[in-house]
Amino acid sequence: MGDMIDLTASCGHKFQAYATGDERATRGLVVVQEIFGVNRHMRAVSDQLAGFGYRVLSPAIFDRVERGVELGYTPEGIQKGLALREKISEDEVMRDIEATAAKLSPRPVGIIGYCWGGTIAWWAATRSKSFKAAVGWYGGGIAASKDANPNCPVQLHFGAEDQSISAGDVEAIRKAQPDLPIFVYPGAGHGFGCEERANFNAQANEVALYRSLAFFAEHLT
């Protein structure tokens, strides 16, 4: 189990992050939330990744609008999460991501994100030089900036049955980034890595986690 710590972005904005894992760990990970905040699931994911020898920070990006947001996977939670997301600019998101990475420095730092966080992980790879590797799980906004040039190795994961991310979008990303490892999981829908969602797919989650960890083990040196 971890704790909430305080961080400060370059603009002076103060926000919290869930911190877990050995502070002496030689590698760091930034874990980026879905649109549901740093809720129980994101803390559990962070704890799980920390168990593989990482110091992990999961920034509360919604603190820009409302502090302490923890939403459930309900229609009401979805609507509130979408509304909060719309109030935060991409530049503000990146300031918080950069501040989180800086807290983990001078370790080699990777970033992994889920849903909205999957898109943010792509932004981090293409807009920042703070990361040695980036992994995105079902990031719906990646296709919109598919032509951007990554500054670090990137790995992406999608569900074949995702109703939010079309097969056409995934194929467009493949064409724009032919050298990226992109995995699509048969029978998996959006949010297949979240045990609290109806779309949870244990097999896809296990394989995607294994691939993500192997990717970080290779590049965070």
C-alpha atoms as a PDB file:
ATOM      1  CA  MET A   1       0.000   0.000   0.000  1.00  0.00           C
ATOM      2  CA  GLY A   2       1.147   3.509  -0.793  1.00  0.00           C
ATOM      3  CA  ASP A   3       0.457   7.070   0.258  1.00  0.00           C
ATOM      4  CA  MET A   4      -0.671  10.304  -1.344  1.00  0.00           C
ATOM      5  CA  ILE A   5       2.162  12.812  -1.721  1.00  0.00           C
ATOM      6  CA  ASP A   6       2.194  16.451  -2.810  1.00  0.00           C
ATOM      7  CA  LEU A   7       3.780  17.616  -6.059  1.00  0.00           C
ATOM      8  CA  THR A   8       4.076  21.013  -7.759  1.00  0.00           C
ATOM      9  CA  ALA A   9       3.918  21.631 -11.503  1.00  0.00           C
ATOM     10  CA  SER A  10       6.069  24.208 -13.280  1.00  0.00           C
ATOM     11  CA  CYS A  11       3.154  26.661 -13.299  1.00  0.00           C
ATOM     12  CA  GLY A  12       2.857  26.474  -9.494  1.00  0.00           C
ATOM     13  CA  HIS A  13      -0.192  24.184  -9.460  1.00  0.00           C
ATOM     14  CA  LYS A  14      -0.089  21.844  -6.475  1.00  0.00           C
ATOM     15  CA  PHE A  15      -1.508  18.366  -6.885  1.00  0.00           C
ATOM     16  CA  GLN A  16      -1.320  14.941  -5.319  1.00  0.00           C
ATOM     17  CA  ALA A  17       0.016  11.644  -6.571  1.00  0.00           C
ATOM     18  CA  TYR A  18      -0.344   8.115  -5.264  1.00  0.00           C
ATOM     19  CA  ALA A  19       3.156   6.903  -4.392  1.00  0.00           C
ATOM     20  CA  THR A  20       3.981   3.244  -3.931  1.00  0.00           C
ATOM     21  CA  GLY A  21       6.931   0.886  -4.191  1.00  0.00           C
ATOM     22  CA  ASP A  22      10.389   0.967  -2.681  1.00  0.00           C
ATOM     23  CA  GLU A  23      11.810   4.490  -2.599  1.00  0.00           C
ATOM     24  CA  ARG A  24      15.209   2.899  -3.267  1.00  0.00           C
ATOM     25  CA  ALA A  25      14.005   1.239  -6.486  1.00  0.00           C
ATOM     26  CA  THR A  26      16.339   1.947  -9.392  1.00  0.00           C
ATOM     27  CA  ARG A  27      13.541   2.340 -11.963  1.00  0.00           C
ATOM     28  CA  GLY A  28      10.439   4.523 -11.909  1.00  0.00           C
ATOM     29  CA  LEU A  29       6.999   4.403 -13.498  1.00  0.00           C
ATOM     30  CA  VAL A  30       4.370   7.086 -13.949  1.00  0.00           C
ATOM     31  CA  VAL A  31       0.932   5.430 -14.003  1.00  0.00           C
ATOM     32  CA  VAL A  32      -1.715   7.601 -15.632  1.00  0.00           C
ATOM     33  CA  GLN A  33      -5.354   7.442 -14.616  1.00  0.00           C
ATOM     34  CA  GLU A  34      -8.484   6.757 -16.623  1.00  0.00           C
ATOM     35  CA  ILE A  35     -11.281   9.350 -16.536  1.00  0.00           C
ATOM     36  CA  PHE A  36     -12.255   7.996 -13.122  1.00  0.00           C
ATOM     37  CA  GLY A  37      -9.468   9.603 -11.128  1.00  0.00           C
ATOM     38  CA  VAL A  38      -6.837   7.908  -8.994  1.00  0.00           C
ATOM     39  CA  ASN A  39      -9.458   5.532  -7.684  1.00  0.00           C
ATOM     40  CA  ARG A  40      -9.200   2.113  -6.070  1.00  0.00           C
ATOM     41  CA  HIS A  41      -8.417   0.428  -9.387  1.00  0.00           C
ATOM     42  CA  MET A  42      -5.601   2.818 -10.301  1.00  0.00           C
ATOM     43  CA  ARG A  43      -4.064   2.421  -6.861  1.00  0.00           C
ATOM     44  CA  ALA A  44      -4.257  -1.365  -7.225  1.00  0.00           C
ATOM     45  CA  VAL A  45      -2.582  -1.193 -10.649  1.00  0.00           C
ATOM     46  CA  SER A  46       0.131   1.026  -9.193  1.00  0.00           C
ATOM     47  CA  ASP A  47       0.716  -1.375  -6.305  1.00  0.00           C
ATOM     48  CA  GLN A  48       0.888  -4.318  -8.697  1.00  0.00           C
ATOM     49  CA  LEU A  49       3.482  -2.635 -10.904  1.00  0.00           C
ATOM     50  CA  ALA A  50       5.482  -1.544  -7.872  1.00  0.00           C
ATOM     51  CA  GLY A  51       5.694  -5.200  -6.894  1.00  0.00           C
ATOM     52  CA  PHE A  52       7.940  -5.768  -9.921  1.00  0.00           C
ATOM     53  CA  GLY A  53      10.618  -3.486  -8.514  1.00  0.00           C
ATOM     54  CA  TYR A  54       9.494  -0.007  -9.503  1.00  0.00           C
ATOM     55  CA  ARG A  55       8.938   3.206  -7.615  1.00  0.00           C
ATOM     56  CA  VAL A  56       5.518   4.236  -8.912  1.00  0.00           C
ATOM     57  CA  LEU A  57       3.697   7.571  -8.937  1.00  0.00           C
ATOM     58  CA  SER A  58       0.133   8.033 -10.198  1.00  0.00           C
ATOM     59  CA  PRO A  59      -0.674  11.754 -10.509  1.00  0.00           C
ATOM     60  CA  ALA A  60      -4.150  13.046  -9.689  1.00  0.00           C
ATOM     61  CA  ILE A  61      -4.656  15.054 -12.858  1.00  0.00           C
ATOM     62  CA  PHE A  62      -8.223  15.952 -11.922  1.00  0.00           C
ATOM     63  CA  ASP A  63      -6.814  17.997  -9.023  1.00  0.00           C
ATOM     64  CA  ARG A  64      -6.659  20.791 -11.617  1.00  0.00           C
ATOM     65  CA  VAL A  65     -10.441  20.990 -11.329  1.00  0.00           C
ATOM     66  CA  GLU A  66     -11.495  19.061  -8.229  1.00  0.00           C
ATOM     67  CA  ARG A  67      -9.303  17.443  -5.606  1.00  0.00           C
ATOM     68  CA  GLY A  68      -9.660  13.875  -4.448  1.00  0.00           C
ATOM     69  CA  VAL A  69     -11.784  12.616  -7.345  1.00  0.00           C
ATOM     70  CA  GLU A  70     -12.539   8.886  -7.187  1.00  0.00           C
ATOM     71  CA  LEU A  71     -15.308   7.789  -9.544  1.00  0.00           C
ATOM     72  CA  GLY A  72     -16.998   4.448 -10.088  1.00  0.00           C
ATOM     73  CA  TYR A  73     -17.602   2.690 -13.407  1.00  0.00           C
ATOM     74  CA  THR A  74     -21.211   3.815 -13.718  1.00  0.00           C
ATOM     75  CA  PRO A  75     -22.977   6.023 -16.268  1.00  0.00           C
ATOM     76  CA  GLU A  76     -22.845   8.839 -13.704  1.00  0.00           C
ATOM     77  CA  GLY A  77     -19.117   8.278 -13.145  1.00  0.00           C
ATOM     78  CA  ILE A  78     -18.472   8.317 -16.873  1.00  0.00           C
ATOM     79  CA  GLN A  79     -20.352  11.564 -17.369  1.00  0.00           C
ATOM     80  CA  LYS A  80     -18.591  13.315 -14.500  1.00  0.00           C
ATOM     81  CA  GLY A  81     -15.188  12.044 -15.637  1.00  0.00           C
ATOM     82  CA  LEU A  82     -15.762  13.282 -19.173  1.00  0.00           C
ATOM     83  CA  ALA A  83     -16.872  16.684 -17.869  1.00  0.00           C
ATOM     84  CA  LEU A  84     -13.792  17.013 -15.669  1.00  0.00           C
ATOM     85  CA  ARG A  85     -11.487  15.996 -18.516  1.00  0.00           C
ATOM     86  CA  GLU A  86     -12.879  18.716 -20.748  1.00  0.00           C
ATOM     87  CA  LYS A  87     -11.864  21.383 -18.221  1.00  0.00           C
ATOM     88  CA  ILE A  88      -8.167  20.503 -18.342  1.00  0.00           C
ATOM     89  CA  SER A  89      -5.960  21.483 -21.268  1.00  0.00           C
ATOM     90  CA  GLU A  90      -3.389  19.182 -22.812  1.00  0.00           C
ATOM     91  CA  ASP A  91      -0.648  21.611 -21.771  1.00  0.00           C
ATOM     92  CA  GLU A  92      -1.824  21.446 -18.155  1.00  0.00           C
ATOM     93  CA  VAL A  93      -1.841  17.655 -18.282  1.00  0.00           C
ATOM     94  CA  MET A  94       1.724  17.641 -19.579  1.00  0.00           C
ATOM     95  CA  ARG A  95       2.910  19.996 -16.821  1.00  0.00           C
ATOM     96  CA  ASP A  96       1.616  17.530 -14.230  1.00  0.00           C
ATOM     97  CA  ILE A  97       3.162  14.585 -16.069  1.00  0.00           C
ATOM     98  CA  GLU A  98       6.530  16.344 -16.286  1.00  0.00           C
ATOM     99  CA  ALA A  99       6.454  17.204 -12.585  1.00  0.00           C
ATOM    100  CA  THR A 100       5.686  13.579 -11.735  1.00  0.00           C
ATOM    101  CA  ALA A 101       8.553  12.330 -13.892  1.00  0.00           C
ATOM    102  CA  ALA A 102      10.895  14.853 -12.273  1.00  0.00           C
ATOM    103  CA  LYS A 103      10.015  13.477  -8.838  1.00  0.00           C
ATOM    104  CA  LEU A 104      11.201  10.039  -9.968  1.00  0.00           C
ATOM    105  CA  SER A 105      14.415  11.353 -11.516  1.00  0.00           C
ATOM    106  CA  PRO A 106      17.324  10.559 -11.760  1.00  0.00           C
ATOM    107  CA  ARG A 107      16.066   7.001 -12.168  1.00  0.00           C
ATOM    108  CA  PRO A 108      15.196   5.887 -15.713  1.00  0.00           C
ATOM    109  CA  VAL A 109      11.456   6.559 -15.908  1.00  0.00           C
ATOM    110  CA  GLY A 110       8.715   4.909 -17.951  1.00  0.00           C
ATOM    111  CA  ILE A 111       5.070   5.865 -18.315  1.00  0.00           C
ATOM    112  CA  ILE A 112       2.002   3.651 -18.653  1.00  0.00           C
ATOM    113  CA  GLY A 113      -1.562   4.846 -19.000  1.00  0.00           C
ATOM    114  CA  TYR A 114      -5.044   3.432 -19.376  1.00  0.00           C
ATOM    115  CA  CYS A 115      -7.991   4.854 -21.360  1.00  0.00           C
ATOM    116  CA  TRP A 116      -7.469   8.653 -21.172  1.00  0.00           C
ATOM    117  CA  GLY A 117      -4.150   7.812 -19.569  1.00  0.00           C
ATOM    118  CA  GLY A 118      -3.231   5.700 -22.595  1.00  0.00           C
ATOM    119  CA  THR A 119      -3.575   8.801 -24.743  1.00  0.00           C
ATOM    120  CA  ILE A 120      -1.575  10.825 -22.225  1.00  0.00           C
ATOM    121  CA  ALA A 121       1.197   8.219 -22.329  1.00  0.00           C
ATOM    122  CA  TRP A 122       1.364   8.815 -26.097  1.00  0.00           C
ATOM    123  CA  TRP A 123       1.533  12.581 -25.540  1.00  0.00           C
ATOM    124  CA  ALA A 124       4.327  12.009 -23.037  1.00  0.00           C
ATOM    125  CA  ALA A 125       6.263   9.940 -25.565  1.00  0.00           C
ATOM    126  CA  THR A 126       5.862  12.527 -28.326  1.00  0.00           C
ATOM    127  CA  ARG A 127       5.916  15.814 -26.387  1.00  0.00           C
ATOM    128  CA  SER A 128       8.424  15.112 -23.628  1.00  0.00           C
ATOM    129  CA  LYS A 129      11.963  13.811 -23.311  1.00  0.00           C
ATOM    130  CA  SER A 130      11.559  12.726 -19.693  1.00  0.00           C
ATOM    131  CA  PHE A 131      10.757   9.081 -20.443  1.00  0.00           C
ATOM    132  CA  LYS A 132      12.776   6.081 -21.563  1.00  0.00           C
ATOM    133  CA  ALA A 133       9.677   4.104 -22.623  1.00  0.00           C
ATOM    134  CA  ALA A 134       5.906   4.569 -22.871  1.00  0.00           C
ATOM    135  CA  VAL A 135       3.032   2.079 -22.898  1.00  0.00           C
ATOM    136  CA  GLY A 136      -0.576   2.919 -23.722  1.00  0.00           C
ATOM    137  CA  TRP A 137      -3.579   0.698 -23.027  1.00  0.00           C
ATOM    138  CA  TYR A 138      -6.723   1.498 -25.063  1.00  0.00           C
ATOM    139  CA  GLY A 139      -5.927   5.171 -25.548  1.00  0.00           C
ATOM    140  CA  GLY A 140      -8.813   6.556 -27.573  1.00  0.00           C
ATOM    141  CA  GLY A 141      -7.136   9.837 -28.489  1.00  0.00           C
ATOM    142  CA  ILE A 142      -3.939   8.410 -29.964  1.00  0.00           C
ATOM    143  CA  ALA A 143      -5.262   8.318 -33.531  1.00  0.00           C
ATOM    144  CA  ALA A 144      -5.796  12.095 -33.463  1.00  0.00           C
ATOM    145  CA  SER A 145      -2.037  12.667 -33.159  1.00  0.00           C
ATOM    146  CA  LYS A 146      -0.845   9.454 -34.809  1.00  0.00           C
ATOM    147  CA  ASP A 147       1.706  11.275 -36.987  1.00  0.00           C
ATOM    148  CA  ALA A 148       3.671  12.704 -34.050  1.00  0.00           C
ATOM    149  CA  ASN A 149       7.224  11.470 -33.600  1.00  0.00           C
ATOM    150  CA  PRO A 150       7.948   9.540 -30.392  1.00  0.00           C
ATOM    151  CA  ASN A 151      11.045  10.495 -28.409  1.00  0.00           C
ATOM    152  CA  CYS A 152      11.229   7.061 -26.790  1.00  0.00           C
ATOM    153  CA  PRO A 153      10.142   3.479 -27.550  1.00  0.00           C
ATOM    154  CA  VAL A 154       6.350   3.036 -27.397  1.00  0.00           C
ATOM    155  CA  GLN A 155       4.116  -0.041 -27.068  1.00  0.00           C
ATOM    156  CA  LEU A 156       0.332   0.092 -27.553  1.00  0.00           C
ATOM    157  CA  HIS A 157      -2.518  -2.255 -26.589  1.00  0.00           C
ATOM    158  CA  PHE A 158      -6.107  -2.314 -27.879  1.00  0.00           C
ATOM    159  CA  GLY A 159      -9.160  -4.555 -27.611  1.00  0.00           C
ATOM    160  CA  ALA A 160     -10.552  -5.975 -30.840  1.00  0.00           C
ATOM    161  CA  GLU A 161     -14.101  -5.461 -29.561  1.00  0.00           C
ATOM    162  CA  ASP A 162     -13.552  -1.915 -28.276  1.00  0.00           C
ATOM    163  CA  GLN A 163     -16.671   0.115 -29.050  1.00  0.00           C
ATOM    164  CA  SER A 164     -14.837   3.373 -28.316  1.00  0.00           C
ATOM    165  CA  ILE A 165     -11.789   2.837 -30.538  1.00  0.00           C
ATOM    166  CA  SER A 166     -12.499   1.617 -34.054  1.00  0.00           C
ATOM    167  CA  ALA A 167     -10.434  -0.942 -35.931  1.00  0.00           C
ATOM    168  CA  GLY A 168      -9.937   1.807 -38.506  1.00  0.00           C
ATOM    169  CA  ASP A 169      -8.284   4.037 -35.904  1.00  0.00           C
ATOM    170  CA  VAL A 170      -5.936   1.241 -34.840  1.00  0.00           C
ATOM    171  CA  GLU A 171      -5.032   0.544 -38.455  1.00  0.00           C
ATOM    172  CA  ALA A 172      -4.387   4.251 -39.043  1.00  0.00           C
ATOM    173  CA  ILE A 173      -1.961   4.253 -36.116  1.00  0.00           C
ATOM    174  CA  ARG A 174      -0.224   1.171 -37.550  1.00  0.00           C
ATOM    175  CA  LYS A 175       0.222   2.874 -40.922  1.00  0.00           C
ATOM    176  CA  ALA A 176       1.518   6.084 -39.369  1.00  0.00           C
ATOM    177  CA  GLN A 177       3.842   4.243 -36.959  1.00  0.00           C
ATOM    178  CA  PRO A 178       4.890   1.017 -38.731  1.00  0.00           C
ATOM    179  CA  ASP A 179       7.752   0.343 -36.317  1.00  0.00           C
ATOM    180  CA  LEU A 180       5.621   0.488 -33.151  1.00  0.00           C
ATOM    181  CA  PRO A 181       4.651  -2.776 -31.437  1.00  0.00           C
ATOM    182  CA  ILE A 182       0.842  -2.617 -31.437  1.00  0.00           C
ATOM    183  CA  PHE A 183      -1.163  -5.493 -29.964  1.00  0.00           C
ATOM    184  CA  VAL A 184      -4.870  -6.129 -30.491  1.00  0.00           C
ATOM    185  CA  TYR A 185      -6.609  -8.664 -28.231  1.00  0.00           C
ATOM    186  CA  PRO A 186      -9.425 -10.803 -29.686  1.00  0.00           C
ATOM    187  CA  GLY A 187     -12.614 -10.732 -27.665  1.00  0.00           C
ATOM    188  CA  ALA A 188     -11.434  -7.814 -25.530  1.00  0.00           C
ATOM    189  CA  GLY A 189     -13.402  -4.595 -25.211  1.00  0.00           C
ATOM    190  CA  HIS A 190     -12.571  -1.154 -23.878  1.00  0.00           C
ATOM    191  CA  GLY A 191     -11.131  -1.241 -20.384  1.00  0.00           C
ATOM    192  CA  PHE A 192     -10.243  -4.926 -20.615  1.00  0.00           C
ATOM    193  CA  GLY A 193      -7.551  -4.431 -17.958  1.00  0.00           C
ATOM    194  CA  CYS A 194      -9.920  -3.192 -15.242  1.00  0.00           C
ATOM    195  CA  GLU A 195     -11.408  -5.838 -12.984  1.00  0.00           C
ATOM    196  CA  GLU A 196     -14.192  -3.447 -11.954  1.00  0.00           C
ATOM    197  CA  ARG A 197     -15.509  -3.061 -15.493  1.00  0.00           C
ATOM    198  CA  ALA A 198     -17.934  -5.425 -17.199  1.00  0.00           C
ATOM    199  CA  ASN A 199     -15.428  -5.640 -20.064  1.00  0.00           C
ATOM    200  CA  PHE A 200     -12.641  -7.062 -17.885  1.00  0.00           C
ATOM    201  CA  ASN A 201     -10.830  -9.791 -19.804  1.00  0.00           C
ATOM    202  CA  ALA A 202      -8.475 -11.704 -17.541  1.00  0.00           C
ATOM    203  CA  GLN A 203      -6.524 -13.367 -20.345  1.00  0.00           C
ATOM    204  CA  ALA A 204      -5.986 -10.174 -22.351  1.00  0.00           C
ATOM    205  CA  ASN A 205      -5.044  -8.325 -19.175  1.00  0.00           C
ATOM    206  CA  GLU A 206      -2.476 -10.968 -18.221  1.00  0.00           C
ATOM    207  CA  VAL A 207      -0.826 -11.004 -21.651  1.00  0.00           C
ATOM    208  CA  ALA A 208      -0.809  -7.210 -21.974  1.00  0.00           C
ATOM    209  CA  LEU A 209       0.700  -6.873 -18.508  1.00  0.00           C
ATOM    210  CA  TYR A 210       3.435  -9.391 -19.340  1.00  0.00           C
ATOM    211  CA  ARG A 211       4.246  -7.546 -22.568  1.00  0.00           C
ATOM    212  CA  SER A 212       4.276  -4.184 -20.811  1.00  0.00           C
ATOM    213  CA  LEU A 213       6.626  -5.390 -18.077  1.00  0.00           C
ATOM    214  CA  ALA A 214       8.964  -7.019 -20.597  1.00  0.00           C
ATOM    215  CA  PHE A 215       9.022  -3.769 -22.587  1.00  0.00           C
ATOM    216  CA  PHE A 216       9.959  -1.718 -19.549  1.00  0.00           C
ATOM    217  CA  ALA A 217      12.565  -4.271 -18.471  1.00  0.00           C
ATOM    218  CA  GLU A 218      14.184  -3.893 -21.887  1.00  0.00           C
ATOM    219  CA  HIS A 219      14.171  -0.109 -22.103  1.00  0.00           C
ATOM    220  CA  LEU A 220      14.434   1.234 -18.547  1.00  0.00           C
ATOM    221  CA  THR A 221      18.157   0.743 -18.217  1.00  0.00           C
END
